[in-house]
C-alpha atoms as a PDB file:
ATOM      1  CA  MET A   1      -0.457   9.652 -36.895  1.00  0.00           C
ATOM      2  CA  LYS A   2       2.274  10.447 -34.486  1.00  0.00           C
ATOM      3  CA  ALA A   3      -0.276  11.070 -31.791  1.00  0.00           C
ATOM      4  CA  ARG A   4      -1.722   7.567 -32.274  1.00  0.00           C
ATOM      5  CA  VAL A   5       1.889   6.097 -32.202  1.00  0.00           C
ATOM      6  CA  LEU A   6       2.569   7.905 -28.858  1.00  0.00           C
ATOM      7  CA  LEU A   7      -0.703   6.646 -27.430  1.00  0.00           C
ATOM      8  CA  SER A   8       0.014   3.035 -28.382  1.00  0.00           C
ATOM      9  CA  LEU A   9       3.528   3.274 -26.810  1.00  0.00           C
ATOM     10  CA  ILE A  10       2.083   4.820 -23.611  1.00  0.00           C
ATOM     11  CA  LEU A  11      -0.642   2.080 -23.299  1.00  0.00           C
ATOM     12  CA  LEU A  12       1.855  -0.804 -23.744  1.00  0.00           C
ATOM     13  CA  CYS A  13       3.509  -0.203 -20.377  1.00  0.00           C
ATOM     14  CA  GLY A  14       1.005   1.628 -18.279  1.00  0.00           C
ATOM     15  CA  GLY A  15      -1.425   3.915 -19.799  1.00  0.00           C
ATOM     16  CA  LEU A  16      -2.217   7.446 -18.574  1.00  0.00           C
ATOM     17  CA  ALA A  17       0.210   9.645 -16.850  1.00  0.00           C
ATOM     18  CA  ALA A  18       1.020   9.147 -13.168  1.00  0.00           C
ATOM     19  CA  PRO A  19       2.769  11.812 -10.973  1.00  0.00           C
ATOM     20  CA  PRO A  20       6.420  11.447 -10.082  1.00  0.00           C
ATOM     21  CA  ALA A  21       6.603   8.778  -7.419  1.00  0.00           C
ATOM     22  CA  ARG A  22       9.120   7.187  -5.145  1.00  0.00           C
ATOM     23  CA  ALA A  23       9.125   3.441  -5.313  1.00  0.00           C
ATOM     24  CA  GLY A  24       8.037   2.581  -1.779  1.00  0.00           C
ATOM     25  CA  ASP A  25       9.988   0.539   0.682  1.00  0.00           C
ATOM     26  CA  ALA A  26       6.836  -1.632   0.933  1.00  0.00           C
ATOM     27  CA  ALA A  27       7.220  -3.019  -2.368  1.00  0.00           C
ATOM     28  CA  PRO A  28       6.335  -6.682  -2.345  1.00  0.00           C
ATOM     29  CA  ALA A  29       9.131  -9.191  -1.910  1.00  0.00           C
ATOM     30  CA  ALA A  30      10.493 -10.953  -5.023  1.00  0.00           C
ATOM     31  CA  PRO A  31       9.158 -14.440  -5.726  1.00  0.00           C
ATOM     32  CA  ALA A  32      11.185 -16.847  -8.075  1.00  0.00           C
ATOM     33  CA  ALA A  33      11.510 -15.348 -11.559  1.00  0.00           C
ATOM     34  CA  PRO A  34       8.655 -16.719 -13.908  1.00  0.00           C
ATOM     35  CA  ALA A  35       9.645 -18.428 -16.985  1.00  0.00           C
ATOM     36  CA  ALA A  36       8.311 -15.643 -19.110  1.00  0.00           C
ATOM     37  CA  CYS A  37      11.166 -13.470 -17.865  1.00  0.00           C
ATOM     38  CA  GLU A  38      13.843 -15.746 -19.171  1.00  0.00           C
ATOM     39  CA  LEU A  39      16.455 -13.980 -21.472  1.00  0.00           C
ATOM     40  CA  PRO A  40      19.676 -15.140 -23.181  1.00  0.00           C
ATOM     41  CA  SER A  41      22.637 -13.922 -21.083  1.00  0.00           C
ATOM     42  CA  TYR A  42      24.033 -11.622 -23.932  1.00  0.00           C
ATOM     43  CA  LEU A  43      21.052  -9.256 -23.566  1.00  0.00           C
ATOM     44  CA  LEU A  44      22.053  -8.770 -19.834  1.00  0.00           C
ATOM     45  CA  THR A  45      25.788  -8.516 -20.305  1.00  0.00           C
ATOM     46  CA  SER A  46      27.764  -5.187 -20.437  1.00  0.00           C
ATOM     47  CA  GLU A  47      31.417  -4.560 -20.695  1.00  0.00           C
ATOM     48  CA  SER A  48      30.990  -1.227 -19.067  1.00  0.00           C
ATOM     49  CA  GLN A  49      30.998  -1.114 -15.251  1.00  0.00           C
ATOM     50  CA  LEU A  50      29.143   0.649 -12.399  1.00  0.00           C
ATOM     51  CA  PRO A  51      31.969   1.368 -10.053  1.00  0.00           C
ATOM     52  CA  LYS A  52      30.211   3.903  -7.836  1.00  0.00           C
ATOM     53  CA  VAL A  53      27.451   1.328  -7.266  1.00  0.00           C
ATOM     54  CA  ALA A  54      29.929  -1.245  -6.334  1.00  0.00           C
ATOM     55  CA  ASP A  55      31.726   1.091  -3.975  1.00  0.00           C
ATOM     56  CA  ALA A  56      28.502   2.158  -2.156  1.00  0.00           C
ATOM     57  CA  ILE A  57      27.485  -1.483  -1.602  1.00  0.00           C
ATOM     58  CA  LYS A  58      31.051  -2.653  -0.445  1.00  0.00           C
ATOM     59  CA  ALA A  59      31.034   0.319   1.948  1.00  0.00           C
ATOM     60  CA  GLY A  60      27.587  -0.456   3.364  1.00  0.00           C
ATOM     61  CA  LYS A  61      26.295   2.942   2.210  1.00  0.00           C
ATOM     62  CA  PRO A  62      22.557   3.348   0.930  1.00  0.00           C
ATOM     63  CA  LEU A  63      22.149   2.585  -2.825  1.00  0.00           C
ATOM     64  CA  GLU A  64      20.146   5.532  -4.122  1.00  0.00           C
ATOM     65  CA  ILE A  65      18.891   5.004  -7.617  1.00  0.00           C
ATOM     66  CA  LEU A  66      17.040   7.616  -9.688  1.00  0.00           C
ATOM     67  CA  VAL A  67      15.007   6.472 -12.717  1.00  0.00           C
ATOM     68  CA  ILE A  68      14.409   9.244 -15.198  1.00  0.00           C
ATOM     69  CA  GLY A  69      11.768   8.318 -17.522  1.00  0.00           C
ATOM     70  CA  SER A  70       8.392   8.712 -19.186  1.00  0.00           C
ATOM     71  CA  ARG A  71       4.789   7.506 -18.706  1.00  0.00           C
ATOM     72  CA  SER A  72       5.918   4.041 -19.547  1.00  0.00           C
ATOM     73  CA  THR A  73       7.923   4.021 -16.428  1.00  0.00           C
ATOM     74  CA  THR A  74       4.698   3.698 -14.348  1.00  0.00           C
ATOM     75  CA  ILE A  75       1.530   1.710 -13.992  1.00  0.00           C
ATOM     76  CA  PRO A  76      -1.262   4.148 -12.809  1.00  0.00           C
ATOM     77  CA  ALA A  77      -2.839   2.825  -9.518  1.00  0.00           C
ATOM     78  CA  SER A  78      -0.316   0.018  -9.471  1.00  0.00           C
ATOM     79  CA  GLU A  79       3.033   1.727  -8.581  1.00  0.00           C
ATOM     80  CA  ASP A  80       4.255  -1.224  -6.630  1.00  0.00           C
ATOM     81  CA  ALA A  81       4.052  -3.255  -9.803  1.00  0.00           C
ATOM     82  CA  SER A  82       5.987  -0.784 -12.030  1.00  0.00           C
ATOM     83  CA  TYR A  83       9.528  -1.820 -13.118  1.00  0.00           C
ATOM     84  CA  PRO A  84      11.336   0.748 -10.779  1.00  0.00           C
ATOM     85  CA  ALA A  85       9.515  -0.774  -7.813  1.00  0.00           C
ATOM     86  CA  ARG A  86      10.147  -4.391  -9.002  1.00  0.00           C
ATOM     87  CA  MET A  87      13.780  -3.607  -9.511  1.00  0.00           C
ATOM     88  CA  GLN A  88      14.036  -2.263  -5.916  1.00  0.00           C
ATOM     89  CA  ALA A  89      12.260  -5.443  -4.491  1.00  0.00           C
ATOM     90  CA  ILE A  90      14.715  -7.716  -6.468  1.00  0.00           C
ATOM     91  CA  LEU A  91      17.848  -5.815  -5.380  1.00  0.00           C
ATOM     92  CA  LYS A  92      16.731  -5.822  -1.842  1.00  0.00           C
ATOM     93  CA  ASP A  93      16.175  -9.597  -2.238  1.00  0.00           C
ATOM     94  CA  LYS A  94      19.564 -10.227  -3.699  1.00  0.00           C
ATOM     95  CA  LEU A  95      21.766  -7.769  -1.537  1.00  0.00           C
ATOM     96  CA  PRO A  96      22.609  -8.222   2.098  1.00  0.00           C
ATOM     97  CA  PRO A  97      19.776  -7.381   4.470  1.00  0.00           C
ATOM     98  CA  SER A  98      21.731  -4.490   5.811  1.00  0.00           C
ATOM     99  CA  GLU A  99      21.909  -2.749   2.455  1.00  0.00           C
ATOM    100  CA  ALA A 100      19.416   0.108   1.967  1.00  0.00           C
ATOM    101  CA  VAL A 101      18.178   0.334  -1.491  1.00  0.00           C
ATOM    102  CA  HIS A 102      16.054   3.411  -2.499  1.00  0.00           C
ATOM    103  CA  VAL A 103      14.630   3.825  -6.033  1.00  0.00           C
ATOM    104  CA  SER A 104      13.007   7.158  -6.883  1.00  0.00           C
ATOM    105  CA  VAL A 105      11.267   8.163 -10.196  1.00  0.00           C
ATOM    106  CA  GLU A 106      11.450  11.390 -12.078  1.00  0.00           C
ATOM    107  CA  ILE A 107       8.797  11.496 -14.888  1.00  0.00           C
ATOM    108  CA  GLN A 108       9.797  13.647 -17.892  1.00  0.00           C
ATOM    109  CA  SER A 109       6.505  13.194 -19.890  1.00  0.00           C
ATOM    110  CA  LYS A 110       6.685  14.011 -23.660  1.00  0.00           C
ATOM    111  CA  LYS A 111      10.050  15.569 -23.362  1.00  0.00           C
ATOM    112  CA  THR A 112      12.863  14.929 -25.926  1.00  0.00           C
ATOM    113  CA  ALA A 113      16.328  14.069 -24.686  1.00  0.00           C
ATOM    114  CA  GLU A 114      17.310  17.694 -25.080  1.00  0.00           C
ATOM    115  CA  GLU A 115      14.446  18.902 -23.078  1.00  0.00           C
ATOM    116  CA  ALA A 116      14.879  16.368 -20.383  1.00  0.00           C
ATOM    117  CA  ALA A 117      18.672  16.870 -20.172  1.00  0.00           C
ATOM    118  CA  ALA A 118      18.242  20.616 -19.518  1.00  0.00           C
ATOM    119  CA  SER A 119      16.823  19.789 -16.018  1.00  0.00           C
ATOM    120  CA  PHE A 120      19.643  17.446 -14.943  1.00  0.00           C
ATOM    121  CA  VAL A 121      22.037  19.715 -13.189  1.00  0.00           C
ATOM    122  CA  LYS A 122      19.198  20.790 -10.686  1.00  0.00           C
ATOM    123  CA  LEU A 123      17.762  17.327 -10.488  1.00  0.00           C
ATOM    124  CA  MET A 124      21.188  15.852  -9.500  1.00  0.00           C
ATOM    125  CA  GLU A 125      21.636  18.595  -6.951  1.00  0.00           C
ATOM    126  CA  ALA A 126      18.292  17.725  -5.369  1.00  0.00           C
ATOM    127  CA  LYS A 127      18.474  13.890  -5.531  1.00  0.00           C
ATOM    128  CA  LYS A 128      22.251  13.096  -5.316  1.00  0.00           C
ATOM    129  CA  PRO A 129      21.791   9.569  -6.454  1.00  0.00           C
ATOM    130  CA  THR A 130      24.394   6.862  -6.807  1.00  0.00           C
ATOM    131  CA  LEU A 131      22.980   5.469 -10.080  1.00  0.00           C
ATOM    132  CA  VAL A 132      20.874   7.142 -12.682  1.00  0.00           C
ATOM    133  CA  ILE A 133      18.869   5.042 -15.111  1.00  0.00           C
ATOM    134  CA  TRP A 134      17.892   7.313 -18.083  1.00  0.00           C
ATOM    135  CA  GLN A 135      15.043   5.996 -20.283  1.00  0.00           C
ATOM    136  CA  THR A 136      14.862   8.034 -23.471  1.00  0.00           C
ATOM    137  CA  GLY A 137      14.500   7.930 -27.106  1.00  0.00           C
ATOM    138  CA  THR A 138      10.761   7.407 -27.771  1.00  0.00           C
ATOM    139  CA  VAL A 139       9.643  10.936 -27.909  1.00  0.00           C
ATOM    140  CA  ASP A 140      12.625  11.825 -30.181  1.00  0.00           C
ATOM    141  CA  ALA A 141      11.628   9.070 -32.493  1.00  0.00           C
ATOM    142  CA  ILE A 142       7.972   9.984 -32.652  1.00  0.00           C
ATOM    143  CA  ARG A 143       8.837  13.706 -33.358  1.00  0.00           C
ATOM    144  CA  ALA A 144      11.566  12.651 -35.894  1.00  0.00           C
ATOM    145  CA  ILE A 145      14.213  14.655 -34.185  1.00  0.00           C
ATOM    146  CA  ASP A 146      17.428  14.634 -36.214  1.00  0.00           C
ATOM    147  CA  PRO A 147      19.425  11.535 -35.134  1.00  0.00           C
ATOM    148  CA  ASP A 148      22.626  13.651 -34.845  1.00  0.00           C
ATOM    149  CA  ASP A 149      20.898  16.157 -32.686  1.00  0.00           C
ATOM    150  CA  PHE A 150      19.532  13.335 -30.435  1.00  0.00           C
ATOM    151  CA  ARG A 151      22.927  11.984 -30.139  1.00  0.00           C
ATOM    152  CA  GLY A 152      24.179  15.344 -29.097  1.00  0.00           C
ATOM    153  CA  ALA A 153      21.531  15.859 -26.427  1.00  0.00           C
ATOM    154  CA  VAL A 154      22.115  12.434 -25.087  1.00  0.00           C
ATOM    155  CA  THR A 155      25.793  13.102 -24.855  1.00  0.00           C
ATOM    156  CA  GLU A 156      25.145  16.267 -22.991  1.00  0.00           C
ATOM    157  CA  GLY A 157      22.778  14.713 -20.638  1.00  0.00           C
ATOM    158  CA  VAL A 158      25.052  11.829 -19.807  1.00  0.00           C
ATOM    159  CA  SER A 159      28.004  14.199 -19.203  1.00  0.00           C
ATOM    160  CA  ALA A 160      25.746  16.275 -16.819  1.00  0.00           C
ATOM    161  CA  LEU A 161      24.952  13.164 -14.823  1.00  0.00           C
ATOM    162  CA  GLN A 162      28.463  11.898 -14.678  1.00  0.00           C
ATOM    163  CA  ASN A 163      29.874  15.259 -13.743  1.00  0.00           C
ATOM    164  CA  ALA A 164      27.390  15.313 -10.949  1.00  0.00           C
ATOM    165  CA  GLY A 165      29.039  12.200  -9.560  1.00  0.00           C
ATOM    166  CA  ALA A 166      26.627   9.341 -10.650  1.00  0.00           C
ATOM    167  CA  ASP A 167      26.917   6.056 -12.451  1.00  0.00           C
ATOM    168  CA  VAL A 168      24.670   6.092 -15.599  1.00  0.00           C
ATOM    169  CA  VAL A 169      22.711   3.352 -17.266  1.00  0.00           C
ATOM    170  CA  LEU A 170      21.090   4.364 -20.644  1.00  0.00           C
ATOM    171  CA  MET A 171      17.663   2.481 -21.303  1.00  0.00           C
ATOM    172  CA  ASN A 172      16.441   2.652 -24.910  1.00  0.00           C
ATOM    173  CA  LEU A 173      12.953   2.653 -26.428  1.00  0.00           C
ATOM    174  CA  GLN A 174      10.393  -0.002 -25.608  1.00  0.00           C
ATOM    175  CA  TYR A 175       9.492  -2.394 -28.385  1.00  0.00           C
ATOM    176  CA  SER A 176       5.935  -2.487 -29.971  1.00  0.00           C
ATOM    177  CA  PRO A 177       5.546  -4.540 -33.050  1.00  0.00           C
ATOM    178  CA  ARG A 178       2.296  -2.377 -33.806  1.00  0.00           C
ATOM    179  CA  THR A 179       4.293   0.859 -34.055  1.00  0.00           C
ATOM    180  CA  GLU A 180       7.699  -0.464 -35.374  1.00  0.00           C
ATOM    181  CA  THR A 181       6.527   0.304 -38.924  1.00  0.00           C
ATOM    182  CA  MET A 182       5.266   3.764 -38.092  1.00  0.00           C
ATOM    183  CA  ILE A 183       8.359   5.332 -36.762  1.00  0.00           C
ATOM    184  CA  SER A 184      12.066   4.972 -37.631  1.00  0.00           C
ATOM    185  CA  VAL A 185      13.617   3.436 -34.553  1.00  0.00           C
ATOM    186  CA  PRO A 186      17.172   2.191 -35.613  1.00  0.00           C
ATOM    187  CA  PRO A 187      18.884   5.620 -35.819  1.00  0.00           C
ATOM    188  CA  TYR A 188      17.902   6.239 -32.185  1.00  0.00           C
ATOM    189  CA  LEU A 189      18.931   2.840 -31.083  1.00  0.00           C
ATOM    190  CA  ASP A 190      22.241   3.142 -32.903  1.00  0.00           C
ATOM    191  CA  ASN A 191      22.885   6.525 -31.423  1.00  0.00           C
ATOM    192  CA  MET A 192      22.277   5.648 -27.877  1.00  0.00           C
ATOM    193  CA  ARG A 193      24.601   2.672 -28.336  1.00  0.00           C
ATOM    194  CA  VAL A 194      27.337   4.993 -29.683  1.00  0.00           C
ATOM    195  CA  VAL A 195      27.011   7.365 -26.733  1.00  0.00           C
ATOM    196  CA  ALA A 196      27.093   4.493 -24.155  1.00  0.00           C
ATOM    197  CA  GLN A 197      30.221   3.238 -25.965  1.00  0.00           C
ATOM    198  CA  GLU A 198      31.946   6.703 -25.941  1.00  0.00           C
ATOM    199  CA  HIS A 199      31.167   7.251 -22.349  1.00  0.00           C
ATOM    200  CA  ASP A 200      31.852   3.750 -21.183  1.00  0.00           C
ATOM    201  CA  ILE A 201      28.412   3.284 -19.630  1.00  0.00           C
ATOM    202  CA  PRO A 202      26.070   0.278 -19.691  1.00  0.00           C
ATOM    203  CA  LEU A 203      23.082   0.329 -22.059  1.00  0.00           C
ATOM    204  CA  PHE A 204      20.068  -1.573 -21.049  1.00  0.00           C
ATOM    205  CA  ASP A 205      18.612  -2.714 -24.354  1.00  0.00           C
ATOM    206  CA  ARG A 206      14.993  -2.532 -23.504  1.00  0.00           C
ATOM    207  CA  PHE A 207      13.974  -2.642 -27.138  1.00  0.00           C
ATOM    208  CA  ALA A 208      15.864  -5.955 -27.909  1.00  0.00           C
ATOM    209  CA  ILE A 209      14.644  -7.497 -24.600  1.00  0.00           C
ATOM    210  CA  MET A 210      11.096  -6.854 -25.295  1.00  0.00           C
ATOM    211  CA  ARG A 211      11.427  -7.867 -28.874  1.00  0.00           C
ATOM    212  CA  GLN A 212      12.930 -11.192 -27.676  1.00  0.00           C
ATOM    213  CA  TRP A 213       9.923 -11.793 -25.360  1.00  0.00           C
ATOM    214  CA  ASN A 214       7.500 -10.957 -28.202  1.00  0.00           C
ATOM    215  CA  ASP A 215       9.262 -13.142 -30.794  1.00  0.00           C
ATOM    216  CA  GLN A 216       9.633 -16.123 -28.366  1.00  0.00           C
ATOM    217  CA  GLY A 217       6.010 -15.915 -27.450  1.00  0.00           C
ATOM    218  CA  GLN A 218       6.488 -14.969 -23.724  1.00  0.00           C
ATOM    219  CA  PHE A 219       4.339 -11.879 -24.332  1.00  0.00           C
ATOM    220  CA  ASP A 220       1.943 -10.913 -27.112  1.00  0.00           C
ATOM    221  CA  LEU A 221       2.937  -7.226 -27.607  1.00  0.00           C
ATOM    222  CA  PHE A 222       0.947  -7.055 -30.842  1.00  0.00           C
ATOM    223  CA  SER A 223      -2.610  -7.767 -29.478  1.00  0.00           C
ATOM    224  CA  PRO A 224      -4.747  -4.744 -29.328  1.00  0.00           C
ATOM    225  CA  SER A 225      -6.467  -6.060 -26.198  1.00  0.00           C
ATOM    226  CA  ARG A 226      -3.450  -5.652 -23.944  1.00  0.00           C
ATOM    227  CA  GLY A 227      -4.681  -5.142 -20.504  1.00  0.00           C
ATOM    228  CA  PRO A 228      -3.170  -4.068 -17.083  1.00  0.00           C
ATOM    229  CA  GLU A 229      -2.104  -7.633 -16.157  1.00  0.00           C
ATOM    230  CA  LEU A 230       0.111  -7.855 -19.221  1.00  0.00           C
ATOM    231  CA  ALA A 231       1.583  -4.603 -18.193  1.00  0.00           C
ATOM    232  CA  LYS A 232       2.297  -5.754 -14.812  1.00  0.00           C
ATOM    233  CA  GLN A 233       3.902  -8.934 -16.207  1.00  0.00           C
ATOM    234  CA  VAL A 234       6.192  -7.101 -18.472  1.00  0.00           C
ATOM    235  CA  HIS A 235       7.087  -4.483 -15.857  1.00  0.00           C
ATOM    236  CA  ASP A 236       7.988  -7.370 -13.380  1.00  0.00           C
ATOM    237  CA  CYS A 237      10.215  -8.974 -15.885  1.00  0.00           C
ATOM    238  CA  LEU A 238      11.871  -5.641 -16.842  1.00  0.00           C
ATOM    239  CA  GLY A 239      12.402  -4.989 -13.086  1.00  0.00           C
ATOM    240  CA  ARG A 240      14.137  -8.329 -12.686  1.00  0.00           C
ATOM    241  CA  ALA A 241      16.228  -8.003 -15.842  1.00  0.00           C
ATOM    242  CA  LEU A 242      17.326  -4.400 -14.766  1.00  0.00           C
ATOM    243  CA  ALA A 243      18.219  -5.491 -11.241  1.00  0.00           C
ATOM    244  CA  GLN A 244      20.325  -8.347 -12.478  1.00  0.00           C
ATOM    245  CA  PHE A 245      21.987  -5.966 -15.072  1.00  0.00           C
ATOM    246  CA  VAL A 246      22.870  -3.494 -12.359  1.00  0.00           C
ATOM    247  CA  ILE A 247      24.390  -6.284 -10.168  1.00  0.00           C
ATOM    248  CA  ASP A 248      26.364  -7.722 -12.988  1.00  0.00           C
ATOM    249  CA  ALA A 249      27.647  -4.328 -14.301  1.00  0.00           C
ATOM    250  CA  ALA A 250      28.714  -3.496 -10.633  1.00  0.00           C
ATOM    251  CA  HIS A 251      30.687  -6.789 -10.646  1.00  0.00           C
ATOM    252  CA  LEU A 252      29.355  -7.747  -7.227  1.00  0.00           C
ATOM    253  CA  GLY A 253      30.886 -10.878  -5.897  1.00  0.00           C
ATOM    254  CA  PRO A 254      29.209 -13.520  -3.611  1.00  0.00           C
ATOM    255  CA  ALA A 255      30.130 -11.531  -0.653  1.00  0.00           C
ATOM    256  CA  GLN A 256      27.882  -8.629  -1.795  1.00  0.00           C
ATOM    257  CA  GLN A 257      25.030 -10.745  -2.658  1.00  0.00           C
ATOM    258  CA  GLN A 258      22.641 -12.983  -0.788  1.00  0.00           C
ATOM    259  CA  ASN A 259      22.299 -15.468  -3.666  1.00  0.00           C
END
C-alpha cells in the first residue's frame, strides 16, 4: 500500500527519477501568469523574512538558490518546465537585468528528513547558496516516521543550513486527494509549521496551495489520467508562486524589482 502511495505522489509532479540537475540559464522567459495560477494572498504571505536574499540583491551579488527535494522536484525530459527552472525564469523576469539568479537542484530521493539532513554540512560547503528551499515530509509520512522524530530531524536540518550562512524556506508535502486518505499528513504539516515558527523562517505551504487549486477547479489532481502537460502546468504555477513568495519574504522594494 505504501509503495502505491509513493508511486502516486511521484507521478503527480513528474514521474520517474531524474538525476540532480541545475536549472539552466536558458530556461524560457516568463509570460504573463495564467489564471489557473491565481491564489489568495494569504497563501503567499509570511511574517518571516529572507534577509540574506535581500542583502545579496541590494548589493548586486549573484543570488544562488539551492532546492533540496525529491523526485517531485523534477519533470523527466522537461527540466526547463520544472518548478525550480520556472522559479528561476520568473525571478530573472522580476529582478533587475543585472541580477544574476542561479537555481540548482539536489535530489534526495526516498530519503527521510533525518537521512537528508545528514548530508547538509557537506552539501553547504560545496554549494554555498544564499537561499535553501528544503522540500520534505512526504517520505516521512509514507513511512509513518514518529512525528516528534520528524520534527527533531527538520530542526537539526534547518539549524545546519542556517549555521552554514543561508536563508531557509521550508516547503511541505504536495497535495493529492487520491492519497490523502492513505497516509496521515496533518502531523507532518503541523510539525513543519512549528519548526518554521521556532526558527523564524518562511514556510511555503505547497500542500494548501495545491489543495486550493484542486478545490477551486484550476487543476484536477484526482484524475487517474494525469499526463505530463498537467505536471508542467502545476510546476509552472508552483514556480511562479515560489518566486513571488521569495520576493515578498525578502521585502524587496520597487528599486529591487523590474515590475
